């Protein structure tokens, strides 16, 4: 899996936020993959995805990011680290 997208959430949290509609619509599709920010204050920071709702494109993380991302911040999702 390698996909680029942006945060699409007017109230993102450090441990959970919605991604762009271009993300896959299948539940748990990205679980076990790594999300890495490529812009914003979290640029270069990575976390393992532990939950994903395909209907809402909501990504969840057991280890929260140091801060909430900004709406529109870009990221990519790559690899699985099961």
C-alpha atoms as a PDB file:
ATOM      1  CA  UNK A   1       0.000   0.000   0.000  1.00  0.00           C
ATOM      2  CA  UNK A   2       1.294   3.435  -0.887  1.00  0.00           C
ATOM      3  CA  UNK A   3      -1.156   6.290  -1.084  1.00  0.00           C
ATOM      4  CA  UNK A   4      -0.910  10.030  -0.664  1.00  0.00           C
ATOM      5  CA  UNK A   5      -3.779  12.030   0.821  1.00  0.00           C
ATOM      6  CA  UNK A   6      -4.660  14.958   3.052  1.00  0.00           C
ATOM      7  CA  UNK A   7      -6.407  15.498   6.355  1.00  0.00           C
ATOM      8  CA  UNK A   8     -10.070  16.335   5.678  1.00  0.00           C
ATOM      9  CA  UNK A   9     -11.288  17.114   9.175  1.00  0.00           C
ATOM     10  CA  UNK A  10     -12.224  20.499  10.651  1.00  0.00           C
ATOM     11  CA  UNK A  11     -11.686  19.123  14.157  1.00  0.00           C
ATOM     12  CA  UNK A  12      -8.851  16.592  13.922  1.00  0.00           C
ATOM     13  CA  UNK A  13      -7.465  14.996  17.082  1.00  0.00           C
ATOM     14  CA  UNK A  14      -3.941  13.762  17.759  1.00  0.00           C
ATOM     15  CA  UNK A  15      -5.100  10.123  17.906  1.00  0.00           C
ATOM     16  CA  UNK A  16      -7.837  10.092  15.243  1.00  0.00           C
ATOM     17  CA  UNK A  17      -8.812  12.147  12.207  1.00  0.00           C
ATOM     18  CA  UNK A  18     -10.569  11.918   8.858  1.00  0.00           C
ATOM     19  CA  UNK A  19      -8.662  11.654   5.613  1.00  0.00           C
ATOM     20  CA  UNK A  20      -9.604  12.703   2.078  1.00  0.00           C
ATOM     21  CA  UNK A  21     -12.345  10.914   0.159  1.00  0.00           C
ATOM     22  CA  UNK A  22      -9.650   9.426  -2.116  1.00  0.00           C
ATOM     23  CA  UNK A  23      -8.797   6.911   0.635  1.00  0.00           C
ATOM     24  CA  UNK A  24     -10.109   3.343   0.346  1.00  0.00           C
ATOM     25  CA  UNK A  25     -13.707   2.724   1.470  1.00  0.00           C
ATOM     26  CA  UNK A  26     -12.995  -0.724   2.997  1.00  0.00           C
ATOM     27  CA  UNK A  27     -12.998  -0.956   6.806  1.00  0.00           C
ATOM     28  CA  UNK A  28      -9.598  -1.802   8.333  1.00  0.00           C
ATOM     29  CA  UNK A  29      -7.924  -1.444   4.898  1.00  0.00           C
ATOM     30  CA  UNK A  30      -4.938   0.522   6.251  1.00  0.00           C
ATOM     31  CA  UNK A  31      -4.627  -1.165   9.671  1.00  0.00           C
ATOM     32  CA  UNK A  32      -1.010  -2.171  10.253  1.00  0.00           C
ATOM     33  CA  UNK A  33       0.314   0.395   7.766  1.00  0.00           C
ATOM     34  CA  UNK A  34       2.320   3.488   8.646  1.00  0.00           C
ATOM     35  CA  UNK A  35       1.126   7.067   8.117  1.00  0.00           C
ATOM     36  CA  UNK A  36       3.830   9.723   7.628  1.00  0.00           C
ATOM     37  CA  UNK A  37       3.055  13.446   7.434  1.00  0.00           C
ATOM     38  CA  UNK A  38       4.659  15.335   4.545  1.00  0.00           C
ATOM     39  CA  UNK A  39       3.496  18.857   5.444  1.00  0.00           C
ATOM     40  CA  UNK A  40       2.441  20.939   8.420  1.00  0.00           C
ATOM     41  CA  UNK A  41       3.805  20.922  11.958  1.00  0.00           C
ATOM     42  CA  UNK A  42       3.881  17.099  11.993  1.00  0.00           C
ATOM     43  CA  UNK A  43       6.004  16.821   8.825  1.00  0.00           C
ATOM     44  CA  UNK A  44       8.191  13.705   9.081  1.00  0.00           C
ATOM     45  CA  UNK A  45       6.321  12.239  12.064  1.00  0.00           C
ATOM     46  CA  UNK A  46       5.020   8.677  11.603  1.00  0.00           C
ATOM     47  CA  UNK A  47       2.583   6.428  13.447  1.00  0.00           C
ATOM     48  CA  UNK A  48       1.181   2.926  12.903  1.00  0.00           C
ATOM     49  CA  UNK A  49      -2.500   2.882  11.969  1.00  0.00           C
ATOM     50  CA  UNK A  50      -4.515   0.743  14.401  1.00  0.00           C
ATOM     51  CA  UNK A  51      -8.042   1.496  13.211  1.00  0.00           C
ATOM     52  CA  UNK A  52      -9.742   2.616  10.016  1.00  0.00           C
ATOM     53  CA  UNK A  53     -13.383   3.294   9.132  1.00  0.00           C
ATOM     54  CA  UNK A  54     -13.878   3.168   5.393  1.00  0.00           C
ATOM     55  CA  UNK A  55     -17.281   4.881   5.471  1.00  0.00           C
ATOM     56  CA  UNK A  56     -15.917   8.018   7.142  1.00  0.00           C
ATOM     57  CA  UNK A  57     -12.229   7.662   6.088  1.00  0.00           C
ATOM     58  CA  UNK A  58     -11.302   7.954   9.768  1.00  0.00           C
ATOM     59  CA  UNK A  59      -7.808   6.823  10.750  1.00  0.00           C
ATOM     60  CA  UNK A  60      -7.006   5.889  14.362  1.00  0.00           C
ATOM     61  CA  UNK A  61      -3.687   5.448  16.156  1.00  0.00           C
ATOM     62  CA  UNK A  62      -2.845   3.694  19.446  1.00  0.00           C
ATOM     63  CA  UNK A  63       0.027   6.141  19.925  1.00  0.00           C
ATOM     64  CA  UNK A  64      -1.204   9.677  19.361  1.00  0.00           C
ATOM     65  CA  UNK A  65       0.771  12.191  17.345  1.00  0.00           C
ATOM     66  CA  UNK A  66       2.469  14.939  19.418  1.00  0.00           C
ATOM     67  CA  UNK A  67      -0.302  17.327  18.313  1.00  0.00           C
ATOM     68  CA  UNK A  68      -3.415  17.299  16.156  1.00  0.00           C
ATOM     69  CA  UNK A  69      -2.710  17.728  12.439  1.00  0.00           C
ATOM     70  CA  UNK A  70      -4.032  20.688  10.521  1.00  0.00           C
ATOM     71  CA  UNK A  71      -6.944  20.362   8.135  1.00  0.00           C
ATOM     72  CA  UNK A  72      -5.364  19.978   4.690  1.00  0.00           C
ATOM     73  CA  UNK A  73      -2.006  18.663   5.937  1.00  0.00           C
ATOM     74  CA  UNK A  74      -0.651  16.031   3.547  1.00  0.00           C
ATOM     75  CA  UNK A  75       0.524  12.521   4.376  1.00  0.00           C
ATOM     76  CA  UNK A  76       1.280   9.186   2.823  1.00  0.00           C
ATOM     77  CA  UNK A  77       0.455   5.666   3.965  1.00  0.00           C
ATOM     78  CA  UNK A  78       2.958   2.912   3.263  1.00  0.00           C
ATOM     79  CA  UNK A  79       3.955  -0.573   4.311  1.00  0.00           C
ATOM     80  CA  UNK A  80       2.579  -2.884   6.955  1.00  0.00           C
ATOM     81  CA  UNK A  81       4.460  -3.530  10.163  1.00  0.00           C
ATOM     82  CA  UNK A  82       2.341  -6.348  11.578  1.00  0.00           C
END
